[in-house]
Amino acid sequence: MVHCEELKQKIAKLEEIDELLGRVRVGRQNIRPSIEEIMTGLDEAKKTGDYNRVLEMLKLRVDGFALKRESY
């Protein structure tokens, strides 16, 4: 079982990576959701039972990393 402290450390590490890479943008539109946006979406999904939006956000995040890597 993953403990709350471990999750907080992992999220902090992801946020650190976000700062290093910067946010991926296409024009003015941000295409890579932040960790905070994903966590908020997850909280909402727990209430409604609809996790599709969270899955879409995670997919955009992964795709955003791929776009960032290709731009180097």
PDB file of N, CA and C in Angstrom:
ATOM      1  N   MET A   1       0.841  -1.184   0.000  1.00  0.00           N
ATOM      2  CA  MET A   1       0.000   0.000   0.000  1.00  0.00           C
ATOM      3  C   MET A   1       0.886   1.247   0.000  1.00  0.00           C
ATOM      4  N   VAL A   2       0.539   2.207  -0.837  1.00  0.00           N
ATOM      5  CA  VAL A   2       1.303   3.446  -0.926  1.00  0.00           C
ATOM      6  C   VAL A   2       0.822   4.396   0.154  1.00  0.00           C
ATOM      7  N   HIS A   3       1.756   4.963   0.879  1.00  0.00           N
ATOM      8  CA  HIS A   3       1.410   5.888   1.949  1.00  0.00           C
ATOM      9  C   HIS A   3       1.270   7.300   1.408  1.00  0.00           C
ATOM     10  N   CYS A   4       0.517   8.111   2.135  1.00  0.00           N
ATOM     11  CA  CYS A   4       0.246   9.491   1.729  1.00  0.00           C
ATOM     12  C   CYS A   4       1.547  10.281   1.555  1.00  0.00           C
ATOM     13  N   GLU A   5       2.495  10.105   2.444  1.00  0.00           N
ATOM     14  CA  GLU A   5       3.776  10.828   2.346  1.00  0.00           C
ATOM     15  C   GLU A   5       4.515  10.463   1.066  1.00  0.00           C
ATOM     16  N   GLU A   6       4.481   9.186   0.716  1.00  0.00           N
ATOM     17  CA  GLU A   6       5.134   8.751  -0.519  1.00  0.00           C
ATOM     18  C   GLU A   6       4.499   9.416  -1.732  1.00  0.00           C
ATOM     19  N   LEU A   7       3.151   9.488  -1.746  1.00  0.00           N
ATOM     20  CA  LEU A   7       2.458  10.136  -2.859  1.00  0.00           C
ATOM     21  C   LEU A   7       2.820  11.615  -2.930  1.00  0.00           C
ATOM     22  N   LYS A   8       2.876  12.280  -1.795  1.00  0.00           N
ATOM     23  CA  LYS A   8       3.229  13.698  -1.766  1.00  0.00           C
ATOM     24  C   LYS A   8       4.634  13.907  -2.322  1.00  0.00           C
ATOM     25  N   GLN A   9       5.569  13.023  -1.985  1.00  0.00           N
ATOM     26  CA  GLN A   9       6.936  13.128  -2.482  1.00  0.00           C
ATOM     27  C   GLN A   9       6.980  12.918  -3.997  1.00  0.00           C
ATOM     28  N   LYS A  10       6.207  11.948  -4.478  1.00  0.00           N
ATOM     29  CA  LYS A  10       6.188  11.681  -5.913  1.00  0.00           C
ATOM     30  C   LYS A  10       5.569  12.844  -6.679  1.00  0.00           C
ATOM     31  N   ILE A  11       4.506  13.432  -6.141  1.00  0.00           N
ATOM     32  CA  ILE A  11       3.878  14.588  -6.781  1.00  0.00           C
ATOM     33  C   ILE A  11       4.838  15.765  -6.777  1.00  0.00           C
ATOM     34  N   ALA A  12       5.559  15.967  -5.669  1.00  0.00           N
ATOM     35  CA  ALA A  12       6.538  17.059  -5.600  1.00  0.00           C
ATOM     36  C   ALA A  12       7.623  16.865  -6.661  1.00  0.00           C
ATOM     37  N   LYS A  13       8.052  15.630  -6.874  1.00  0.00           N
ATOM     38  CA  LYS A  13       9.062  15.344  -7.886  1.00  0.00           C
ATOM     39  C   LYS A  13       8.530  15.663  -9.286  1.00  0.00           C
ATOM     40  N   LEU A  14       7.269  15.301  -9.551  1.00  0.00           N
ATOM     41  CA  LEU A  14       6.668  15.612 -10.846  1.00  0.00           C
ATOM     42  C   LEU A  14       6.563  17.118 -11.050  1.00  0.00           C
ATOM     43  N   GLU A  15       6.224  17.848  -9.987  1.00  0.00           N
ATOM     44  CA  GLU A  15       6.143  19.302 -10.088  1.00  0.00           C
ATOM     45  C   GLU A  15       7.517  19.904 -10.370  1.00  0.00           C
ATOM     46  N   GLU A  16       8.556  19.311  -9.785  1.00  0.00           N
ATOM     47  CA  GLU A  16       9.921  19.771 -10.038  1.00  0.00           C
ATOM     48  C   GLU A  16      10.287  19.553 -11.507  1.00  0.00           C
ATOM     49  N   ILE A  17       9.911  18.411 -12.042  1.00  0.00           N
ATOM     50  CA  ILE A  17      10.166  18.118 -13.453  1.00  0.00           C
ATOM     51  C   ILE A  17       9.415  19.110 -14.336  1.00  0.00           C
ATOM     52  N   ASP A  18       8.175  19.435 -13.949  1.00  0.00           N
ATOM     53  CA  ASP A  18       7.397  20.431 -14.692  1.00  0.00           C
ATOM     54  C   ASP A  18       8.141  21.749 -14.786  1.00  0.00           C
ATOM     55  N   GLU A  19       8.703  22.189 -13.665  1.00  0.00           N
ATOM     56  CA  GLU A  19       9.428  23.453 -13.650  1.00  0.00           C
ATOM     57  C   GLU A  19      10.641  23.406 -14.562  1.00  0.00           C
ATOM     58  N   LEU A  20      11.338  22.281 -14.558  1.00  0.00           N
ATOM     59  CA  LEU A  20      12.532  22.154 -15.389  1.00  0.00           C
ATOM     60  C   LEU A  20      12.200  22.137 -16.877  1.00  0.00           C
ATOM     61  N   LEU A  21      11.144  21.453 -17.239  1.00  0.00           N
ATOM     62  CA  LEU A  21      10.784  21.332 -18.649  1.00  0.00           C
ATOM     63  C   LEU A  21       9.979  22.516 -19.158  1.00  0.00           C
ATOM     64  N   GLY A  22       9.283  23.181 -18.271  1.00  0.00           N
ATOM     65  CA  GLY A  22       8.379  24.241 -18.702  1.00  0.00           C
ATOM     66  C   GLY A  22       7.099  23.631 -19.218  1.00  0.00           C
ATOM     67  N   ARG A  23       6.098  24.455 -19.369  1.00  0.00           N
ATOM     68  CA  ARG A  23       4.815  23.947 -19.840  1.00  0.00           C
ATOM     69  C   ARG A  23       4.781  24.014 -21.360  1.00  0.00           C
ATOM     70  N   VAL A  24       4.254  22.984 -21.961  1.00  0.00           N
ATOM     71  CA  VAL A  24       4.172  22.911 -23.419  1.00  0.00           C
ATOM     72  C   VAL A  24       2.956  23.724 -23.867  1.00  0.00           C
ATOM     73  N   ARG A  25       3.170  24.582 -24.822  1.00  0.00           N
ATOM     74  CA  ARG A  25       2.080  25.414 -25.334  1.00  0.00           C
ATOM     75  C   ARG A  25       2.034  25.328 -26.852  1.00  0.00           C
ATOM     76  N   VAL A  26       0.834  25.380 -27.375  1.00  0.00           N
ATOM     77  CA  VAL A  26       0.638  25.498 -28.807  1.00  0.00           C
ATOM     78  C   VAL A  26      -0.061  26.840 -28.986  1.00  0.00           C
ATOM     79  N   GLY A  27       0.662  27.802 -29.535  1.00  0.00           N
ATOM     80  CA  GLY A  27       0.147  29.170 -29.559  1.00  0.00           C
ATOM     81  C   GLY A  27      -0.004  29.645 -28.127  1.00  0.00           C
ATOM     82  N   ARG A  28      -1.197  30.059 -27.778  1.00  0.00           N
ATOM     83  CA  ARG A  28      -1.462  30.495 -26.401  1.00  0.00           C
ATOM     84  C   ARG A  28      -2.128  29.407 -25.578  1.00  0.00           C
ATOM     85  N   GLN A  29      -2.488  28.316 -26.216  1.00  0.00           N
ATOM     86  CA  GLN A  29      -3.216  27.255 -25.522  1.00  0.00           C
ATOM     87  C   GLN A  29      -2.248  26.279 -24.862  1.00  0.00           C
ATOM     88  N   ASN A  30      -2.450  26.036 -23.574  1.00  0.00           N
ATOM     89  CA  ASN A  30      -1.644  25.062 -22.856  1.00  0.00           C
ATOM     90  C   ASN A  30      -2.222  23.680 -23.137  1.00  0.00           C
ATOM     91  N   ILE A  31      -1.404  22.787 -23.667  1.00  0.00           N
ATOM     92  CA  ILE A  31      -1.922  21.459 -23.999  1.00  0.00           C
ATOM     93  C   ILE A  31      -1.505  20.390 -22.989  1.00  0.00           C
ATOM     94  N   ARG A  32      -0.710  20.767 -22.006  1.00  0.00           N
ATOM     95  CA  ARG A  32      -0.276  19.779 -21.013  1.00  0.00           C
ATOM     96  C   ARG A  32      -0.795  20.202 -19.646  1.00  0.00           C
ATOM     97  N   PRO A  33      -1.823  19.511 -19.115  1.00  0.00           N
ATOM     98  CA  PRO A  33      -2.382  19.889 -17.822  1.00  0.00           C
ATOM     99  C   PRO A  33      -1.345  19.741 -16.706  1.00  0.00           C
ATOM    100  N   SER A  34      -1.445  20.614 -15.717  1.00  0.00           N
ATOM    101  CA  SER A  34      -0.539  20.541 -14.582  1.00  0.00           C
ATOM    102  C   SER A  34      -0.969  19.413 -13.647  1.00  0.00           C
ATOM    103  N   ILE A  35      -0.081  19.047 -12.735  1.00  0.00           N
ATOM    104  CA  ILE A  35      -0.399  18.031 -11.733  1.00  0.00           C
ATOM    105  C   ILE A  35      -1.604  18.485 -10.911  1.00  0.00           C
ATOM    106  N   GLU A  36      -1.633  19.759 -10.577  1.00  0.00           N
ATOM    107  CA  GLU A  36      -2.739  20.308  -9.781  1.00  0.00           C
ATOM    108  C   GLU A  36      -4.074  20.140 -10.507  1.00  0.00           C
ATOM    109  N   GLU A  37      -4.078  20.413 -11.805  1.00  0.00           N
ATOM    110  CA  GLU A  37      -5.302  20.249 -12.597  1.00  0.00           C
ATOM    111  C   GLU A  37      -5.748  18.792 -12.626  1.00  0.00           C
ATOM    112  N   ILE A  38      -4.802  17.887 -12.746  1.00  0.00           N
ATOM    113  CA  ILE A  38      -5.132  16.459 -12.761  1.00  0.00           C
ATOM    114  C   ILE A  38      -5.672  16.022 -11.408  1.00  0.00           C
ATOM    115  N   MET A  39      -5.050  16.484 -10.321  1.00  0.00           N
ATOM    116  CA  MET A  39      -5.509  16.113  -8.981  1.00  0.00           C
ATOM    117  C   MET A  39      -6.915  16.665  -8.718  1.00  0.00           C
ATOM    118  N   THR A  40      -7.179  17.892  -9.167  1.00  0.00           N
ATOM    119  CA  THR A  40      -8.514  18.472  -9.020  1.00  0.00           C
ATOM    120  C   THR A  40      -9.530  17.655  -9.811  1.00  0.00           C
ATOM    121  N   GLY A  41      -9.160  17.279 -11.026  1.00  0.00           N
ATOM    122  CA  GLY A  41     -10.035  16.444 -11.843  1.00  0.00           C
ATOM    123  C   GLY A  41     -10.304  15.099 -11.192  1.00  0.00           C
ATOM    124  N   LEU A  42      -9.293  14.548 -10.541  1.00  0.00           N
ATOM    125  CA  LEU A  42      -9.460  13.268  -9.857  1.00  0.00           C
ATOM    126  C   LEU A  42     -10.420  13.400  -8.688  1.00  0.00           C
ATOM    127  N   ASP A  43     -10.312  14.494  -7.932  1.00  0.00           N
ATOM    128  CA  ASP A  43     -11.241  14.737  -6.824  1.00  0.00           C
ATOM    129  C   ASP A  43     -12.677  14.829  -7.324  1.00  0.00           C
ATOM    130  N   GLU A  44     -12.870  15.536  -8.445  1.00  0.00           N
ATOM    131  CA  GLU A  44     -14.206  15.661  -9.029  1.00  0.00           C
ATOM    132  C   GLU A  44     -14.711  14.310  -9.526  1.00  0.00           C
ATOM    133  N   ALA A  45     -13.821  13.534 -10.117  1.00  0.00           N
ATOM    134  CA  ALA A  45     -14.207  12.223 -10.645  1.00  0.00           C
ATOM    135  C   ALA A  45     -14.623  11.273  -9.534  1.00  0.00           C
ATOM    136  N   LYS A  46     -13.992  11.388  -8.370  1.00  0.00           N
ATOM    137  CA  LYS A  46     -14.367  10.537  -7.241  1.00  0.00           C
ATOM    138  C   LYS A  46     -15.814  10.802  -6.837  1.00  0.00           C
ATOM    139  N   LYS A  47     -16.243  12.057  -6.960  1.00  0.00           N
ATOM    140  CA  LYS A  47     -17.615  12.437  -6.591  1.00  0.00           C
ATOM    141  C   LYS A  47     -18.626  11.955  -7.634  1.00  0.00           C
ATOM    142  N   THR A  48     -18.265  12.095  -8.911  1.00  0.00           N
ATOM    143  CA  THR A  48     -19.207  11.779  -9.982  1.00  0.00           C
ATOM    144  C   THR A  48     -19.102  10.343 -10.483  1.00  0.00           C
ATOM    145  N   GLY A  49     -17.939   9.736 -10.295  1.00  0.00           N
ATOM    146  CA  GLY A  49     -17.719   8.384 -10.799  1.00  0.00           C
ATOM    147  C   GLY A  49     -17.295   8.349 -12.259  1.00  0.00           C
ATOM    148  N   ASP A  50     -17.142   9.511 -12.890  1.00  0.00           N
ATOM    149  CA  ASP A  50     -16.745   9.591 -14.301  1.00  0.00           C
ATOM    150  C   ASP A  50     -15.266   9.957 -14.391  1.00  0.00           C
ATOM    151  N   TYR A  51     -14.447   8.989 -14.743  1.00  0.00           N
ATOM    152  CA  TYR A  51     -12.994   9.182 -14.789  1.00  0.00           C
ATOM    153  C   TYR A  51     -12.479   9.483 -16.193  1.00  0.00           C
ATOM    154  N   ASN A  52     -13.369   9.615 -17.176  1.00  0.00           N
ATOM    155  CA  ASN A  52     -12.941   9.848 -18.558  1.00  0.00           C
ATOM    156  C   ASN A  52     -12.138  11.133 -18.702  1.00  0.00           C
ATOM    157  N   ARG A  53     -12.577  12.200 -18.031  1.00  0.00           N
ATOM    158  CA  ARG A  53     -11.863  13.484 -18.138  1.00  0.00           C
ATOM    159  C   ARG A  53     -10.440  13.347 -17.584  1.00  0.00           C
ATOM    160  N   VAL A  54     -10.295  12.636 -16.468  1.00  0.00           N
ATOM    161  CA  VAL A  54      -8.968  12.460 -15.873  1.00  0.00           C
ATOM    162  C   VAL A  54      -8.076  11.665 -16.832  1.00  0.00           C
ATOM    163  N   LEU A  55      -8.637  10.649 -17.451  1.00  0.00           N
ATOM    164  CA  LEU A  55      -7.861   9.859 -18.418  1.00  0.00           C
ATOM    165  C   LEU A  55      -7.436  10.712 -19.613  1.00  0.00           C
ATOM    166  N   GLU A  56      -8.329  11.595 -20.081  1.00  0.00           N
ATOM    167  CA  GLU A  56      -7.980  12.496 -21.178  1.00  0.00           C
ATOM    168  C   GLU A  56      -6.855  13.441 -20.762  1.00  0.00           C
ATOM    169  N   MET A  57      -6.935  13.957 -19.528  1.00  0.00           N
ATOM    170  CA  MET A  57      -5.906  14.873 -19.041  1.00  0.00           C
ATOM    171  C   MET A  57      -4.559  14.163 -18.946  1.00  0.00           C
ATOM    172  N   LEU A  58      -4.554  12.922 -18.472  1.00  0.00           N
ATOM    173  CA  LEU A  58      -3.307  12.160 -18.374  1.00  0.00           C
ATOM    174  C   LEU A  58      -2.728  11.904 -19.769  1.00  0.00           C
ATOM    175  N   LYS A  59      -3.600  11.594 -20.722  1.00  0.00           N
ATOM    176  CA  LYS A  59      -3.134  11.371 -22.095  1.00  0.00           C
ATOM    177  C   LYS A  59      -2.525  12.653 -22.662  1.00  0.00           C
ATOM    178  N   LEU A  60      -3.176  13.796 -22.445  1.00  0.00           N
ATOM    179  CA  LEU A  60      -2.637  15.073 -22.920  1.00  0.00           C
ATOM    180  C   LEU A  60      -1.287  15.361 -22.281  1.00  0.00           C
ATOM    181  N   ARG A  61      -1.149  15.007 -21.009  1.00  0.00           N
ATOM    182  CA  ARG A  61       0.108  15.252 -20.303  1.00  0.00           C
ATOM    183  C   ARG A  61       1.233  14.432 -20.933  1.00  0.00           C
ATOM    184  N   VAL A  62       0.971  13.164 -21.198  1.00  0.00           N
ATOM    185  CA  VAL A  62       1.981  12.293 -21.808  1.00  0.00           C
ATOM    186  C   VAL A  62       2.297  12.767 -23.219  1.00  0.00           C
ATOM    187  N   ASP A  63       1.265  13.117 -23.983  1.00  0.00           N
ATOM    188  CA  ASP A  63       1.480  13.618 -25.339  1.00  0.00           C
ATOM    189  C   ASP A  63       2.269  14.924 -25.304  1.00  0.00           C
ATOM    190  N   GLY A  64       2.008  15.760 -24.312  1.00  0.00           N
ATOM    191  CA  GLY A  64       2.733  17.023 -24.170  1.00  0.00           C
ATOM    192  C   GLY A  64       4.212  16.795 -23.946  1.00  0.00           C
ATOM    193  N   PHE A  65       4.552  15.795 -23.132  1.00  0.00           N
ATOM    194  CA  PHE A  65       5.964  15.472 -22.922  1.00  0.00           C
ATOM    195  C   PHE A  65       6.597  15.012 -24.226  1.00  0.00           C
ATOM    196  N   ALA A  66       5.857  14.235 -25.014  1.00  0.00           N
ATOM    197  CA  ALA A  66       6.390  13.754 -26.284  1.00  0.00           C
ATOM    198  C   ALA A  66       6.633  14.925 -27.233  1.00  0.00           C
ATOM    199  N   LEU A  67       5.702  15.878 -27.283  1.00  0.00           N
ATOM    200  CA  LEU A  67       5.887  17.049 -28.140  1.00  0.00           C
ATOM    201  C   LEU A  67       7.088  17.864 -27.693  1.00  0.00           C
ATOM    202  N   LYS A  68       7.250  18.017 -26.388  1.00  0.00           N
ATOM    203  CA  LYS A  68       8.366  18.799 -25.854  1.00  0.00           C
ATOM    204  C   LYS A  68       9.689  18.141 -26.252  1.00  0.00           C
ATOM    205  N   ARG A  69       9.755  16.845 -26.134  1.00  0.00           N
ATOM    206  CA  ARG A  69      10.983  16.114 -26.460  1.00  0.00           C
ATOM    207  C   ARG A  69      11.305  16.235 -27.948  1.00  0.00           C
ATOM    208  N   GLU A  70      10.277  16.176 -28.812  1.00  0.00           N
ATOM    209  CA  GLU A  70      10.505  16.267 -30.250  1.00  0.00           C
ATOM    210  C   GLU A  70      10.979  17.651 -30.667  1.00  0.00           C
ATOM    211  N   SER A  71      10.673  18.680 -29.859  1.00  0.00           N
ATOM    212  CA  SER A  71      11.033  20.037 -30.243  1.00  0.00           C
ATOM    213  C   SER A  71      12.499  20.351 -29.990  1.00  0.00           C
ATOM    214  N   TYR A  72      13.231  19.465 -29.322  1.00  0.00           N
ATOM    215  CA  TYR A  72      14.655  19.721 -29.041  1.00  0.00           C
ATOM    216  C   TYR A  72      15.516  19.390 -30.223  1.00  0.00           C
TER     217      TYR A  72
END
